[in-house]
Amino acid sequence: MRIRKNMLLRLSLTIITFAMLAASCVPTYQLSYFNDMEDLAQPIVNPRTQKLIKPFDKLYIRVLSIDLQTNQIFNSTEELRLGAYGSTAGLIGYLVDEDGNISFPFVGKINVMDLTTADAADKIQKALSDYVPQTSIIVRYVDNQVTVMGEVQRQGIYSFSQDKLNIYEAIGLGGGITRYGDRKKVILIRNEDGKVSHYALNLSDSKIANKSYYYVMPNDVIVVEPLKAISTSYSNITYTTILSTISTAIAVLLFAGLRF
């Protein structure tokens, strides 16, 4: 009887060990971002064009001049225009109205619809030259936001000021993908000209860099799907189910051993 009980205990421990390993182990290739680096013979060219200014974009416009008074007029109290920690997310910007216009001091309305920031800077500089000579204009986007959700370390809405923010940098804002996030199933949701588009991204494919959606756009939503095996979102339920099953199996085995 004692030998039988020892055998049952050893069998129970084996079952527990196997169940825990099966629940916690994830193959290395599923955690790697790039599994095809050997297939890349040369650098990849990305076709992405620069974002064009659209209604309701917010622009930071700085006027540079050799004249001190001009700088003070257009860029007064610049330190108050900066948000916490000096980030551009808090810059006071010019809102592009629904017709694509901004209202600029002295000049009035300037249409910047479908222009790049560089082209908008040139147009503002030409309009301002009638009032203030020898100026240079800097135009940047402010309050750009991307939403990162799903199997990432920190879900949330993140601000960025770069003209180009790629998909990996965007996910990095959320702390990166968790060990249970599926790098082959990342969904990019984008509002384009009044239409909502969904793109399925495979982040383990190095050739993603030549896709137009490699760079995120303001107000994009990125969703990292969980692996089929297990998700951190439901880990408590999964482990509870596993332990309950193991406990039941052990009870049955011990009962059977005691009877015989």
Protein backbone atom coordinates (compact mmCIF):
# COMPACT_ATOMS: atom_id res chain seq x y z
CA MET A 1 0.00 0.00 0.00
CA ARG A 2 2.80 2.42 0.89
CA ILE A 3 4.57 1.73 -2.41
CA ARG A 4 1.34 2.37 -4.29
CA LYS A 5 0.83 5.69 -2.50
CA ASN A 6 4.40 6.76 -3.30
CA MET A 7 3.83 5.92 -6.94
CA LEU A 8 0.63 7.96 -6.95
CA LEU A 9 2.38 10.92 -5.37
CA ARG A 10 5.19 10.78 -7.93
CA LEU A 11 2.64 10.57 -10.72
CA SER A 12 0.76 13.56 -9.29
CA LEU A 13 3.96 15.62 -9.13
CA THR A 14 4.74 14.68 -12.72
CA ILE A 15 1.28 15.80 -13.84
CA ILE A 16 1.62 19.11 -11.98
CA THR A 17 5.07 19.80 -13.44
CA PHE A 18 3.95 18.99 -16.96
CA ALA A 19 0.81 21.15 -16.67
CA MET A 20 2.71 24.16 -15.35
CA LEU A 21 5.38 23.90 -18.05
CA ALA A 22 2.75 23.56 -20.76
CA ALA A 23 0.91 26.63 -19.48
CA SER A 24 3.94 28.87 -19.05
CA CYS A 25 6.23 27.97 -21.96
CA VAL A 26 6.07 30.01 -25.15
CA PRO A 27 8.31 29.08 -28.11
CA THR A 28 11.21 31.49 -28.67
CA TYR A 29 10.27 32.15 -32.30
CA GLN A 30 6.93 33.56 -31.16
CA LEU A 31 8.73 36.09 -28.94
CA SER A 32 11.18 37.23 -31.62
CA TYR A 33 10.45 40.27 -33.76
CA PHE A 34 12.51 39.14 -36.74
CA ASN A 35 12.90 35.52 -37.81
CA ASP A 36 13.80 36.22 -41.43
CA MET A 37 16.86 38.47 -41.23
CA GLU A 38 18.89 36.02 -43.36
CA ASP A 39 16.46 36.66 -46.24
CA LEU A 40 17.28 40.37 -46.40
CA ALA A 41 19.93 40.90 -49.06
CA GLN A 42 19.78 44.70 -49.09
CA PRO A 43 18.14 47.64 -47.27
CA ILE A 44 14.41 48.10 -47.78
CA VAL A 45 13.05 51.29 -49.31
CA ASN A 46 9.92 52.66 -47.68
CA PRO A 47 7.39 54.34 -50.02
CA ARG A 48 5.82 56.49 -47.35
CA THR A 49 5.20 60.13 -48.27
CA GLN A 50 5.10 62.95 -45.76
CA LYS A 51 1.80 63.64 -44.04
CA LEU A 52 -0.23 66.46 -45.53
CA ILE A 53 -1.98 69.03 -43.36
CA LYS A 54 -5.67 68.33 -42.84
CA PRO A 55 -8.55 70.11 -41.09
CA PHE A 56 -8.34 70.04 -37.28
CA ASP A 57 -4.59 69.41 -37.27
CA LYS A 58 -2.74 71.52 -34.75
CA LEU A 59 0.42 73.31 -35.90
CA TYR A 60 3.22 74.91 -33.96
CA ILE A 61 4.56 77.89 -35.93
CA ARG A 62 7.71 79.73 -34.92
CA VAL A 63 8.93 82.91 -36.58
CA LEU A 64 12.69 83.44 -36.68
CA SER A 65 14.08 86.90 -37.41
CA ILE A 66 17.29 88.86 -36.90
CA ASP A 67 15.08 91.60 -35.51
CA LEU A 68 14.63 91.16 -31.76
CA GLN A 69 11.29 92.98 -31.67
CA THR A 70 9.85 90.70 -34.35
CA ASN A 71 10.87 87.64 -32.37
CA GLN A 72 9.21 89.06 -29.27
CA ILE A 73 5.97 89.80 -31.10
CA PHE A 74 5.52 86.36 -32.63
CA ASN A 75 7.25 84.19 -30.06
CA SER A 76 6.54 85.99 -26.78
CA THR A 77 6.63 84.03 -23.54
CA GLU A 78 7.82 80.94 -25.35
CA GLU A 79 8.46 79.23 -22.05
CA LEU A 80 4.72 79.39 -21.33
CA ARG A 81 4.01 77.57 -24.55
CA LEU A 82 5.82 74.47 -23.38
CA GLY A 83 4.01 71.74 -21.52
CA ALA A 84 5.27 69.67 -18.61
CA TYR A 85 8.94 68.62 -18.90
CA GLY A 86 9.28 70.75 -22.02
CA SER A 87 7.39 68.30 -24.21
CA THR A 88 5.87 69.53 -27.47
CA ALA A 89 2.57 67.93 -26.49
CA GLY A 90 1.74 71.07 -24.54
CA LEU A 91 2.73 73.64 -27.17
CA ILE A 92 0.12 76.21 -28.02
CA GLY A 93 -0.60 75.65 -31.68
CA TYR A 94 -2.68 77.03 -34.52
CA LEU A 95 -5.75 74.93 -35.20
CA VAL A 96 -6.50 74.25 -38.86
CA ASP A 97 -10.20 74.92 -39.43
CA GLU A 98 -12.55 72.77 -41.49
CA ASP A 99 -11.67 74.73 -44.63
CA GLY A 100 -7.93 74.21 -44.13
CA ASN A 101 -7.17 77.75 -42.90
CA ILE A 102 -5.16 79.04 -39.98
CA SER A 103 -5.51 82.52 -38.55
CA PHE A 104 -2.06 84.10 -38.35
CA PRO A 105 -1.19 87.47 -36.72
CA PHE A 106 -1.07 90.47 -39.12
CA VAL A 107 -1.74 88.27 -42.13
CA GLY A 108 -5.14 86.82 -41.29
CA LYS A 109 -6.28 83.55 -42.82
CA ILE A 110 -3.74 81.37 -44.64
CA ASN A 111 -4.87 78.18 -46.35
CA VAL A 112 -2.49 75.29 -45.63
CA MET A 113 -4.77 72.46 -46.71
CA ASP A 114 -2.92 69.44 -48.22
CA LEU A 115 0.49 71.07 -47.77
CA THR A 116 3.51 69.52 -46.09
CA THR A 117 4.89 71.36 -43.08
CA ALA A 118 7.78 72.60 -45.24
CA ASP A 119 5.43 73.93 -47.93
CA ALA A 120 3.24 75.54 -45.26
CA ALA A 121 6.30 77.25 -43.79
CA ASP A 122 7.18 78.69 -47.21
CA LYS A 123 3.63 79.93 -47.75
CA ILE A 124 3.46 81.59 -44.33
CA GLN A 125 6.88 83.18 -44.87
CA LYS A 126 5.79 84.68 -48.20
CA ALA A 127 2.55 86.00 -46.70
CA LEU A 128 4.43 87.51 -43.76
CA SER A 129 7.13 89.08 -45.93
CA ASP A 130 4.76 91.94 -46.84
CA TYR A 131 4.74 92.95 -43.17
CA VAL A 132 8.03 91.69 -41.75
CA PRO A 133 11.09 91.21 -44.00
CA GLN A 134 13.82 88.58 -43.62
CA THR A 135 12.04 85.97 -41.57
CA SER A 136 12.27 82.21 -41.45
CA ILE A 137 9.36 79.99 -40.43
CA ILE A 138 9.33 76.63 -38.66
CA VAL A 139 6.13 74.55 -38.79
CA ARG A 140 5.61 71.37 -36.79
CA TYR A 141 2.70 69.19 -35.79
CA VAL A 142 1.73 69.18 -32.12
CA ASP A 143 -0.65 67.08 -30.06
CA ASN A 144 -0.24 64.08 -32.36
CA GLN A 145 -1.59 61.02 -30.58
CA VAL A 146 -1.53 57.27 -31.08
CA THR A 147 -3.51 54.72 -29.07
CA VAL A 148 -1.77 51.47 -28.11
CA MET A 149 -3.92 48.63 -26.78
CA GLY A 150 -3.93 44.88 -26.16
CA GLU A 151 -0.93 42.81 -25.10
CA VAL A 152 1.46 45.67 -24.32
CA GLN A 153 3.04 46.62 -21.02
CA ARG A 154 1.12 49.91 -20.70
CA GLN A 155 -2.05 50.50 -22.68
CA GLY A 156 -2.91 54.13 -23.29
CA ILE A 157 -2.97 57.18 -25.53
CA TYR A 158 0.49 58.58 -26.24
CA SER A 159 1.55 61.92 -27.71
CA PHE A 160 4.39 62.29 -30.20
CA SER A 161 5.90 65.14 -32.19
CA GLN A 162 7.97 63.31 -34.80
CA ASP A 163 7.00 63.68 -38.44
CA LYS A 164 7.82 59.99 -38.81
CA LEU A 165 6.98 57.49 -36.07
CA ASN A 166 7.22 53.85 -37.11
CA ILE A 167 5.12 51.00 -35.78
CA TYR A 168 7.90 49.69 -33.50
CA GLU A 169 8.48 53.11 -31.96
CA ALA A 170 4.73 53.48 -31.39
CA ILE A 171 4.51 50.14 -29.59
CA GLY A 172 7.62 51.12 -27.63
CA LEU A 173 5.66 54.04 -26.20
CA GLY A 174 3.48 51.44 -24.52
CA GLY A 175 6.47 49.62 -23.06
CA GLY A 176 6.63 46.99 -25.80
CA ILE A 177 4.71 43.78 -26.41
CA THR A 178 4.26 41.39 -23.50
CA ARG A 179 5.57 37.82 -23.70
CA TYR A 180 2.07 36.68 -24.58
CA GLY A 181 1.47 39.21 -27.36
CA ASP A 182 1.28 37.83 -30.89
CA ARG A 183 3.80 39.71 -33.01
CA LYS A 184 2.21 38.25 -36.11
CA LYS A 185 -1.23 39.63 -35.29
CA VAL A 186 -1.10 43.38 -34.76
CA ILE A 187 -4.05 45.41 -36.00
CA LEU A 188 -3.64 49.01 -37.17
CA ILE A 189 -6.87 51.02 -37.29
CA ARG A 190 -6.73 54.23 -39.31
CA ASN A 191 -9.28 56.89 -40.24
CA GLU A 192 -8.61 57.92 -43.83
CA ASP A 193 -10.81 60.49 -45.56
CA GLY A 194 -13.82 59.60 -43.46
CA LYS A 195 -13.30 55.85 -43.84
CA VAL A 196 -12.01 53.50 -41.14
CA SER A 197 -9.42 51.04 -42.45
CA HIS A 198 -8.01 47.98 -40.67
CA TYR A 199 -4.54 46.66 -41.49
CA ALA A 200 -3.16 43.32 -40.28
CA LEU A 201 0.55 43.68 -39.46
CA ASN A 202 3.14 40.96 -38.99
CA LEU A 203 5.92 42.51 -36.92
CA SER A 204 8.11 39.42 -37.28
CA ASP A 205 8.36 40.07 -41.02
CA SER A 206 11.33 42.33 -41.75
CA LYS A 207 9.79 43.33 -45.08
CA ILE A 208 7.12 45.30 -43.23
CA ALA A 209 9.43 48.30 -43.61
CA ASN A 210 8.44 48.67 -47.28
CA LYS A 211 4.74 48.98 -46.47
CA SER A 212 2.93 52.29 -46.41
CA TYR A 213 1.58 51.58 -42.91
CA TYR A 214 5.08 51.06 -41.48
CA TYR A 215 4.84 54.66 -40.27
CA VAL A 216 1.88 55.47 -38.04
CA MET A 217 -0.29 58.53 -38.52
CA PRO A 218 -1.87 60.80 -35.89
CA ASN A 219 -4.91 59.20 -34.23
CA ASP A 220 -4.01 55.68 -35.35
CA VAL A 221 -5.05 52.85 -33.03
CA ILE A 222 -2.72 49.86 -32.60
CA VAL A 223 -4.07 46.64 -31.10
CA VAL A 224 -1.72 43.76 -30.21
CA GLU A 225 -3.62 40.47 -30.20
CA PRO A 226 -2.78 37.73 -27.65
CA LEU A 227 -1.21 34.42 -28.58
CA LYS A 228 -3.68 31.57 -28.95
CA ALA A 229 -1.95 29.56 -26.22
CA ILE A 230 -2.45 32.04 -23.38
CA SER A 231 -3.14 35.70 -22.70
CA THR A 232 -2.03 37.77 -19.75
CA SER A 233 -5.49 39.28 -19.70
CA TYR A 234 -6.93 35.89 -18.75
CA SER A 235 -3.96 34.36 -16.97
CA ASN A 236 -5.74 34.18 -13.62
CA ILE A 237 -8.66 32.28 -15.12
CA THR A 238 -6.30 29.96 -17.00
CA TYR A 239 -4.18 29.08 -14.00
CA THR A 240 -7.25 28.61 -11.82
CA THR A 241 -8.68 26.17 -14.34
CA ILE A 242 -5.37 24.28 -14.57
CA LEU A 243 -4.96 23.99 -10.82
CA SER A 244 -8.58 22.92 -10.40
CA THR A 245 -8.12 20.17 -12.97
CA ILE A 246 -4.90 18.99 -11.33
CA SER A 247 -6.50 18.93 -7.89
CA THR A 248 -9.40 16.87 -9.19
CA ALA A 249 -7.03 14.42 -10.90
CA ILE A 250 -4.96 13.99 -7.73
CA ALA A 251 -8.07 13.40 -5.62
CA VAL A 252 -9.31 10.75 -8.02
CA LEU A 253 -5.93 9.02 -8.11
CA LEU A 254 -5.53 9.05 -4.34
CA PHE A 255 -9.08 7.77 -3.83
CA ALA A 256 -8.46 4.98 -6.29
CA GLY A 257 -5.18 4.12 -4.54
CA LEU A 258 -6.75 3.99 -1.11
CA ARG A 259 -9.51 1.67 -2.31
CA PHE A 260 -7.11 -0.73 -3.85
